[in-house]
Structures are given as C-alpha cells and as structure tokens.
C-alpha atoms as a PDB file:
ATOM      1  CA  MET A   1      83.159  89.784  94.363  1.00  0.00           C
ATOM      2  CA  ASN A   2      86.259  91.321  93.439  1.00  0.00           C
ATOM      3  CA  ARG A   3      88.995  88.447  95.417  1.00  0.00           C
ATOM      4  CA  LYS A   4      92.257  90.909  93.816  1.00  0.00           C
ATOM      5  CA  PRO A   5      92.801  92.243  97.129  1.00  0.00           C
ATOM      6  CA  ILE A   6      92.575  89.748  99.050  1.00  0.00           C
ATOM      7  CA  PHE A   7      95.387  87.444  96.333  1.00  0.00           C
ATOM      8  CA  ASP A   8      97.377  91.005  96.659  1.00  0.00           C
ATOM      9  CA  ALA A   9      97.122  91.044 100.539  1.00  0.00           C
ATOM     10  CA  VAL A  10      98.085  87.496 101.121  1.00  0.00           C
ATOM     11  CA  ARG A  11     100.558  87.830  98.557  1.00  0.00           C
ATOM     12  CA  ARG A  12     102.262  90.864 100.599  1.00  0.00           C
ATOM     13  CA  MET A  13     101.734  88.936 103.658  1.00  0.00           C
ATOM     14  CA  LEU A  14     103.962  85.719 102.160  1.00  0.00           C
ATOM     15  CA  GLY A  15     106.230  87.911 100.525  1.00  0.00           C
ATOM     16  CA  ARG A  16     106.140  85.760  97.422  1.00  0.00           C
ATOM     17  CA  GLY A  17     103.845  84.680  94.549  1.00  0.00           C
ATOM     18  CA  PHE A  18     101.355  81.839  94.517  1.00  0.00           C
ATOM     19  CA  SER A  19     101.607  78.243  92.641  1.00  0.00           C
ATOM     20  CA  THR A  20      98.918  76.822  90.363  1.00  0.00           C
ATOM     21  CA  GLN A  21      97.511  74.873  94.082  1.00  0.00           C
ATOM     22  CA  GLU A  22      97.760  77.776  96.269  1.00  0.00           C
ATOM     23  CA  VAL A  23      95.170  79.864  93.603  1.00  0.00           C
ATOM     24  CA  LYS A  24      93.232  76.883  93.671  1.00  0.00           C
ATOM     25  CA  LEU A  25      93.448  76.541  97.304  1.00  0.00           C
ATOM     26  CA  LEU A  26      92.772  80.330  98.325  1.00  0.00           C
ATOM     27  CA  ASP A  27      89.840  80.593  95.764  1.00  0.00           C
ATOM     28  CA  LYS A  28      87.673  77.629  97.662  1.00  0.00           C
ATOM     29  CA  ALA A  29      88.538  79.555 100.979  1.00  0.00           C
ATOM     30  CA  ILE A  30      87.423  82.947  99.645  1.00  0.00           C
ATOM     31  CA  ASP A  31      84.181  80.303  98.349  1.00  0.00           C
ATOM     32  CA  ALA A  32      83.411  79.089 101.371  1.00  0.00           C
ATOM     33  CA  ALA A  33      83.608  82.137 103.540  1.00  0.00           C
ATOM     34  CA  THR A  34      81.380  83.949 101.590  1.00  0.00           C
ATOM     35  CA  GLY A  35      79.034  81.044 101.041  1.00  0.00           C
ATOM     36  CA  SER A  36      79.369  81.171  97.027  1.00  0.00           C
ATOM     37  CA  LEU A  37      79.354  77.546  96.925  1.00  0.00           C
ATOM     38  CA  GLY A  38      75.293  77.217  96.592  1.00  0.00           C
ATOM     39  CA  ALA A  39      75.495  74.323  98.964  1.00  0.00           C
ATOM     40  CA  ASN A  40      73.659  76.527 101.974  1.00  0.00           C
ATOM     41  CA  LEU A  41      70.672  77.868 100.245  1.00  0.00           C
ATOM     42  CA  ALA A  42      67.274  78.155 102.522  1.00  0.00           C
ATOM     43  CA  PRO A  43      65.526  74.457 102.798  1.00  0.00           C
ATOM     44  CA  ASP A  44      62.698  74.418 100.226  1.00  0.00           C
ATOM     45  CA  SER A  45      60.200  74.034 103.592  1.00  0.00           C
ATOM     46  CA  PRO A  46      60.487  77.288 105.770  1.00  0.00           C
ATOM     47  CA  ALA A  47      58.515  74.992 108.185  1.00  0.00           C
ATOM     48  CA  ALA A  48      60.621  72.411 108.350  1.00  0.00           C
ATOM     49  CA  SER A  49      61.805  71.176 111.772  1.00  0.00           C
ATOM     50  CA  ALA A  50      64.342  69.138 110.967  1.00  0.00           C
ATOM     51  CA  PRO A  51      67.051  68.570 108.439  1.00  0.00           C
ATOM     52  CA  SER A  52      65.973  66.650 105.388  1.00  0.00           C
ATOM     53  CA  ALA A  53      67.373  63.937 104.249  1.00  0.00           C
ATOM     54  CA  GLY A  54      69.292  65.767 101.164  1.00  0.00           C
ATOM     55  CA  GLU A  55      70.649  67.120 103.938  1.00  0.00           C
ATOM     56  CA  ALA A  56      72.678  64.560 105.658  1.00  0.00           C
ATOM     57  CA  SER A  57      75.504  64.205 103.290  1.00  0.00           C
ATOM     58  CA  GLY A  58      77.639  67.135 104.363  1.00  0.00           C
ATOM     59  CA  ALA A  59      78.719  67.147 100.381  1.00  0.00           C
ATOM     60  CA  ALA A  60      80.528  70.933  99.827  1.00  0.00           C
ATOM     61  CA  ARG A  61      79.083  72.466 102.990  1.00  0.00           C
ATOM     62  CA  ALA A  62      79.984  76.544 103.465  1.00  0.00           C
ATOM     63  CA  LEU A  63      79.213  79.251 105.626  1.00  0.00           C
ATOM     64  CA  GLY A  64      76.054  81.012 104.366  1.00  0.00           C
ATOM     65  CA  PRO A  65      75.117  84.186 104.922  1.00  0.00           C
ATOM     66  CA  ALA A  66      72.988  84.002 107.887  1.00  0.00           C
ATOM     67  CA  GLY A  67      76.667  82.500 109.372  1.00  0.00           C
ATOM     68  CA  GLN A  68      78.916  85.136 108.113  1.00  0.00           C
ATOM     69  CA  LYS A  69      76.505  88.120 108.918  1.00  0.00           C
ATOM     70  CA  LEU A  70      76.385  86.668 112.741  1.00  0.00           C
ATOM     71  CA  ILE A  71      80.475  85.769 113.084  1.00  0.00           C
ATOM     72  CA  LYS A  72      81.233  89.596 111.983  1.00  0.00           C
ATOM     73  CA  ALA A  73      78.782  90.822 113.976  1.00  0.00           C
ATOM     74  CA  TRP A  74      80.447  89.314 117.311  1.00  0.00           C
ATOM     75  CA  GLU A  75      84.060  89.304 115.989  1.00  0.00           C
ATOM     76  CA  SER A  76      83.802  93.364 114.749  1.00  0.00           C
ATOM     77  CA  CYS A  77      86.476  94.304 112.445  1.00  0.00           C
ATOM     78  CA  GLY A  78      88.178  96.738 115.837  1.00  0.00           C
ATOM     79  CA  ARG A  79      90.780  98.636 116.615  1.00  0.00           C
ATOM     80  CA  LEU A  80      90.784 101.099 113.837  1.00  0.00           C
ATOM     81  CA  ARG A  81      93.951 103.722 113.698  1.00  0.00           C
ATOM     82  CA  ALA A  82      94.268 107.124 112.548  1.00  0.00           C
ATOM     83  CA  ASP A  83      96.642 105.572 109.197  1.00  0.00           C
ATOM     84  CA  GLY A  84      93.170 103.387 108.148  1.00  0.00           C
ATOM     85  CA  ARG A  85      95.090  99.852 109.360  1.00  0.00           C
ATOM     86  CA  TYR A  86      94.215  97.584 112.457  1.00  0.00           C
ATOM     87  CA  GLU A  87      96.016  96.555 115.417  1.00  0.00           C
ATOM     88  CA  ALA A  88      96.081  93.572 117.637  1.00  0.00           C
ATOM     89  CA  TYR A  89      93.975  94.042 120.821  1.00  0.00           C
ATOM     90  CA  PRO A  90      94.348  91.667 124.196  1.00  0.00           C
ATOM     91  CA  ASP A  91      92.068  89.326 125.082  1.00  0.00           C
ATOM     92  CA  PRO A  92      89.386  91.250 127.660  1.00  0.00           C
ATOM     93  CA  GLY A  93      88.890  88.101 129.862  1.00  0.00           C
ATOM     94  CA  SER A  94      92.392  86.471 130.017  1.00  0.00           C
ATOM     95  CA  ALA A  95      95.111  87.430 132.672  1.00  0.00           C
ATOM     96  CA  ASP A  96      98.222  87.918 130.025  1.00  0.00           C
ATOM     97  CA  GLY A  97      95.779  89.021 127.002  1.00  0.00           C
ATOM     98  CA  ARG A  98      96.346  86.010 125.255  1.00  0.00           C
ATOM     99  CA  PRO A  99      95.114  85.230 122.889  1.00  0.00           C
ATOM    100  CA  TRP A 100      96.046  88.680 120.624  1.00  0.00           C
ATOM    101  CA  THR A 101      93.572  88.818 118.402  1.00  0.00           C
ATOM    102  CA  ILE A 102      93.160  90.653 114.892  1.00  0.00           C
ATOM    103  CA  GLY A 103      90.493  91.658 112.424  1.00  0.00           C
ATOM    104  CA  TRP A 104      88.073  89.546 112.405  1.00  0.00           C
ATOM    105  CA  GLY A 105      88.444  87.693 115.102  1.00  0.00           C
ATOM    106  CA  SER A 106      92.217  86.444 113.885  1.00  0.00           C
ATOM    107  CA  THR A 107      94.438  84.947 116.555  1.00  0.00           C
ATOM    108  CA  GLY A 108      97.563  83.027 116.062  1.00  0.00           C
ATOM    109  CA  ALA A 109     101.902  82.363 116.684  1.00  0.00           C
ATOM    110  CA  ASP A 110     101.838  85.123 114.173  1.00  0.00           C
ATOM    111  CA  ILE A 111      99.501  87.845 115.963  1.00  0.00           C
ATOM    112  CA  ALA A 112     100.949  89.567 119.209  1.00  0.00           C
ATOM    113  CA  ARG A 113     100.902  92.870 121.165  1.00  0.00           C
ATOM    114  CA  GLY A 114     102.344  95.524 117.973  1.00  0.00           C
ATOM    115  CA  THR A 115     100.714  93.075 114.921  1.00  0.00           C
ATOM    116  CA  VAL A 116      99.341  95.839 112.442  1.00  0.00           C
ATOM    117  CA  TRP A 117      97.361  94.371 109.137  1.00  0.00           C
ATOM    118  CA  THR A 118      95.691  96.467 106.274  1.00  0.00           C
ATOM    119  CA  ARG A 119      91.793  96.120 105.883  1.00  0.00           C
ATOM    120  CA  ALA A 120      92.837  93.930 103.019  1.00  0.00           C
ATOM    121  CA  GLN A 121      95.261  91.499 105.235  1.00  0.00           C
ATOM    122  CA  CYS A 122      92.072  91.061 107.946  1.00  0.00           C
ATOM    123  CA  ASP A 123      89.588  89.726 105.316  1.00  0.00           C
ATOM    124  CA  ALA A 124      91.715  87.587 103.536  1.00  0.00           C
ATOM    125  CA  ARG A 125      93.244  86.042 106.903  1.00  0.00           C
ATOM    126  CA  PHE A 126      89.066  85.583 107.762  1.00  0.00           C
ATOM    127  CA  ALA A 127      88.115  84.249 104.379  1.00  0.00           C
ATOM    128  CA  ALA A 128      91.582  81.521 104.794  1.00  0.00           C
ATOM    129  CA  ASP A 129      90.605  80.730 108.754  1.00  0.00           C
ATOM    130  CA  ILE A 130      86.629  80.318 107.832  1.00  0.00           C
ATOM    131  CA  ALA A 131      87.464  77.919 105.426  1.00  0.00           C
ATOM    132  CA  ARG A 132      89.592  75.475 108.185  1.00  0.00           C
ATOM    133  CA  TYR A 133      86.875  75.739 110.469  1.00  0.00           C
ATOM    134  CA  VAL A 134      84.130  75.082 107.797  1.00  0.00           C
ATOM    135  CA  ALA A 135      85.680  71.673 107.188  1.00  0.00           C
ATOM    136  CA  GLU A 136      86.186  70.693 110.439  1.00  0.00           C
ATOM    137  CA  VAL A 137      82.850  71.267 111.374  1.00  0.00           C
ATOM    138  CA  ASP A 138      81.554  69.196 108.299  1.00  0.00           C
ATOM    139  CA  ARG A 139      84.011  66.574 109.800  1.00  0.00           C
ATOM    140  CA  ALA A 140      82.453  66.579 113.177  1.00  0.00           C
ATOM    141  CA  VAL A 141      78.916  66.368 112.225  1.00  0.00           C
ATOM    142  CA  GLY A 142      79.866  64.049 109.282  1.00  0.00           C
ATOM    143  CA  PRO A 143      76.632  62.698 107.504  1.00  0.00           C
ATOM    144  CA  ALA A 144      74.285  63.562 110.519  1.00  0.00           C
ATOM    145  CA  PRO A 145      71.377  65.916 108.821  1.00  0.00           C
ATOM    146  CA  THR A 146      72.141  69.827 109.175  1.00  0.00           C
ATOM    147  CA  THR A 147      70.117  72.173 107.818  1.00  0.00           C
ATOM    148  CA  PRO A 148      71.919  75.682 106.550  1.00  0.00           C
ATOM    149  CA  ASN A 149      71.737  77.379 110.006  1.00  0.00           C
ATOM    150  CA  GLN A 150      72.217  74.836 112.114  1.00  0.00           C
ATOM    151  CA  PHE A 151      75.854  74.476 110.476  1.00  0.00           C
ATOM    152  CA  ASP A 152      76.384  78.427 110.599  1.00  0.00           C
ATOM    153  CA  ALA A 153      75.490  78.506 114.506  1.00  0.00           C
ATOM    154  CA  LEU A 154      77.870  75.583 114.570  1.00  0.00           C
ATOM    155  CA  VAL A 155      80.858  77.130 112.672  1.00  0.00           C
ATOM    156  CA  SER A 156      80.391  80.066 114.719  1.00  0.00           C
ATOM    157  CA  PHE A 157      80.419  78.435 117.929  1.00  0.00           C
ATOM    158  CA  HIS A 158      83.614  76.598 117.073  1.00  0.00           C
ATOM    159  CA  TYR A 159      85.478  80.055 115.346  1.00  0.00           C
ATOM    160  CA  ASN A 160      85.273  81.303 118.863  1.00  0.00           C
ATOM    161  CA  THR A 161      86.000  78.515 120.920  1.00  0.00           C
ATOM    162  CA  GLY A 162      87.330  75.561 119.439  1.00  0.00           C
ATOM    163  CA  ALA A 163      85.311  72.716 120.619  1.00  0.00           C
ATOM    164  CA  ILE A 164      83.454  71.608 118.064  1.00  0.00           C
ATOM    165  CA  PHE A 165      85.108  68.011 118.548  1.00  0.00           C
ATOM    166  CA  SER A 166      84.880  68.046 122.244  1.00  0.00           C
ATOM    167  CA  ALA A 167      81.104  69.361 123.057  1.00  0.00           C
ATOM    168  CA  THR A 168      78.534  67.695 123.929  1.00  0.00           C
ATOM    169  CA  LEU A 169      76.321  69.849 121.907  1.00  0.00           C
ATOM    170  CA  THR A 170      77.335  68.445 118.920  1.00  0.00           C
ATOM    171  CA  ARG A 171      77.101  64.735 119.997  1.00  0.00           C
ATOM    172  CA  LEU A 172      73.467  65.982 120.870  1.00  0.00           C
ATOM    173  CA  HIS A 173      73.048  67.066 117.155  1.00  0.00           C
ATOM    174  CA  THR A 174      74.616  63.506 115.043  1.00  0.00           C
ATOM    175  CA  GLU A 175      72.415  62.323 116.972  1.00  0.00           C
ATOM    176  CA  GLY A 176      69.532  64.197 116.046  1.00  0.00           C
ATOM    177  CA  ARG A 177      68.360  65.545 119.418  1.00  0.00           C
ATOM    178  CA  TYR A 178      68.462  68.952 118.278  1.00  0.00           C
ATOM    179  CA  ALA A 179      66.367  70.375 121.263  1.00  0.00           C
ATOM    180  CA  GLU A 180      68.862  69.710 123.766  1.00  0.00           C
ATOM    181  CA  ALA A 181      71.661  70.520 121.531  1.00  0.00           C
ATOM    182  CA  ALA A 182      70.619  74.004 121.628  1.00  0.00           C
ATOM    183  CA  GLU A 183      70.660  74.349 125.544  1.00  0.00           C
ATOM    184  CA  GLN A 184      74.103  73.076 125.418  1.00  0.00           C
ATOM    185  CA  PHE A 185      75.372  76.768 123.455  1.00  0.00           C
ATOM    186  CA  GLY A 186      74.401  78.225 126.936  1.00  0.00           C
ATOM    187  CA  ASN A 187      76.948  75.985 128.584  1.00  0.00           C
ATOM    188  CA  TRP A 188      79.798  77.886 126.690  1.00  0.00           C
ATOM    189  CA  ILE A 189      79.852  81.545 128.607  1.00  0.00           C
ATOM    190  CA  TYR A 190      83.051  81.303 130.411  1.00  0.00           C
ATOM    191  CA  ASN A 191      86.573  82.773 129.967  1.00  0.00           C
ATOM    192  CA  ASN A 192      89.380  81.846 132.043  1.00  0.00           C
ATOM    193  CA  HIS A 193      86.059  80.934 134.443  1.00  0.00           C
ATOM    194  CA  LYS A 194      84.545  83.840 134.883  1.00  0.00           C
ATOM    195  CA  PRO A 195      81.188  84.327 132.825  1.00  0.00           C
ATOM    196  CA  MET A 196      81.107  87.223 130.374  1.00  0.00           C
ATOM    197  CA  THR A 197      78.433  89.115 128.720  1.00  0.00           C
ATOM    198  CA  GLY A 198      79.354  89.094 125.378  1.00  0.00           C
ATOM    199  CA  LEU A 199      79.618  84.865 125.585  1.00  0.00           C
ATOM    200  CA  VAL A 200      76.099  84.843 126.890  1.00  0.00           C
ATOM    201  CA  ARG A 201      74.620  86.876 124.191  1.00  0.00           C
ATOM    202  CA  ARG A 202      76.497  85.577 121.529  1.00  0.00           C
ATOM    203  CA  ARG A 203      75.582  81.988 122.544  1.00  0.00           C
ATOM    204  CA  ALA A 204      72.289  82.892 122.795  1.00  0.00           C
ATOM    205  CA  ALA A 205      72.448  85.033 119.274  1.00  0.00           C
ATOM    206  CA  GLU A 206      73.943  81.202 118.330  1.00  0.00           C
ATOM    207  CA  ALA A 207      71.254  78.932 119.229  1.00  0.00           C
ATOM    208  CA  LYS A 208      68.427  81.352 117.972  1.00  0.00           C
ATOM    209  CA  LEU A 209      70.242  80.949 114.892  1.00  0.00           C
ATOM    210  CA  TYR A 210      70.947  77.321 115.383  1.00  0.00           C
ATOM    211  CA  ALA A 211      66.632  76.509 116.123  1.00  0.00           C
ATOM    212  CA  THR A 212      65.598  78.866 112.947  1.00  0.00           C
ATOM    213  CA  PRO A 213      64.651  76.081 110.624  1.00  0.00           C
END
C-alpha cells in the first residue's frame, strides 16, 4: 500500500511535519485500518461456531477486510463536489443536522457546515479514527474469545454508535452468549427516537457478520 498520500494529507492538515513517534503512530493506525497486522486471519476451521482459545487473548487485534468493507459500504465517501473534493453533510435523522459528517463517516469538532476535504484527507482521517475504535473495542471485549468476524462486526457497531462500553451486546459477548448478543444489534436502529431504515439494514448486516464463523 502506498502510504505517502495519507501522510501528505495529514501533514497538510497539521500544517507541519511529523515527529518520529507520530510517524510510528500513524503507521500503526493505517495498519489497523487496512487489517495488515495479520491478527484477523480467518479461523482454521470455517465451521467453528464459537471462538477458539487462541482468539481469547485480544493481542494485536485489527479490523479485517470484512469489517472494513462493511463499514465503508455504510459510510460511503459521499457528497463529492464538481472539483473532486468532498463536503460535509448533516445527519439525516437529527433536528439540527448534527453531527456533521464527512468522508467515511468522520465526525468531530473540526467538522461542520462548509467543511471540505480531499479524498486523501478522508482516507487519512478514517485510518486515524478507526485505529481508536479498534483499540476501544479491543479493550471492551478484553480477553473474551472473539473471532475476527465478531470483532469486525463490533468495530462497525461501535464506529456508528460509540456505545461499545455501554451496550448490553458487549456484556453478552464477553459472557459467551453469542446468539443473544447477535440479537442485540437490532435494538440500535433509532436516531432522535425514530427508527431509521438505514440503521435497520446496517444492524442486520453487522449481526450477520457477527454470526458468521
């Protein structure tokens, strides 16, 4: 993977160069986003219905290809302008448009009406953001046995809801109650107290991935 466009985009956003430590951290974030750490290889037995003991350590977990594909399918890099850049758009289910979103579902205090980024900036922000979500899901599930598909589904869920530490499905997962945990995805379909068709479909996709050996 050519990482130069990502480093260049982040450098422009910061308005300065990188320290050695920052280079290492960004490299790690890109690895986590692309699944190149190697921890999310498919289980040896495709028929396995539960995580193996080797998947319980939580060491070097990363977002795998399935998770990245799922997230990007729902967080499509939208609002492409005629000049080839991307502009922020309002949340379709909120009364005031917040949180404003850009690129691959990125939100934050630096994103508001009128924010415009290049594709490289969108990709760089996704790489940095997803590393944080991966780390948080890893911390939330701890040593609980977790297959790559379960982990990817939980990262997608957390990326969209930010609720991995409070959701009942996390507790059920850590208790090994996988079927019950899979059913919990369907409870997270509301935005501003209203069910959203897109969220219904996304939660179904996450539950399906979670339940896939």
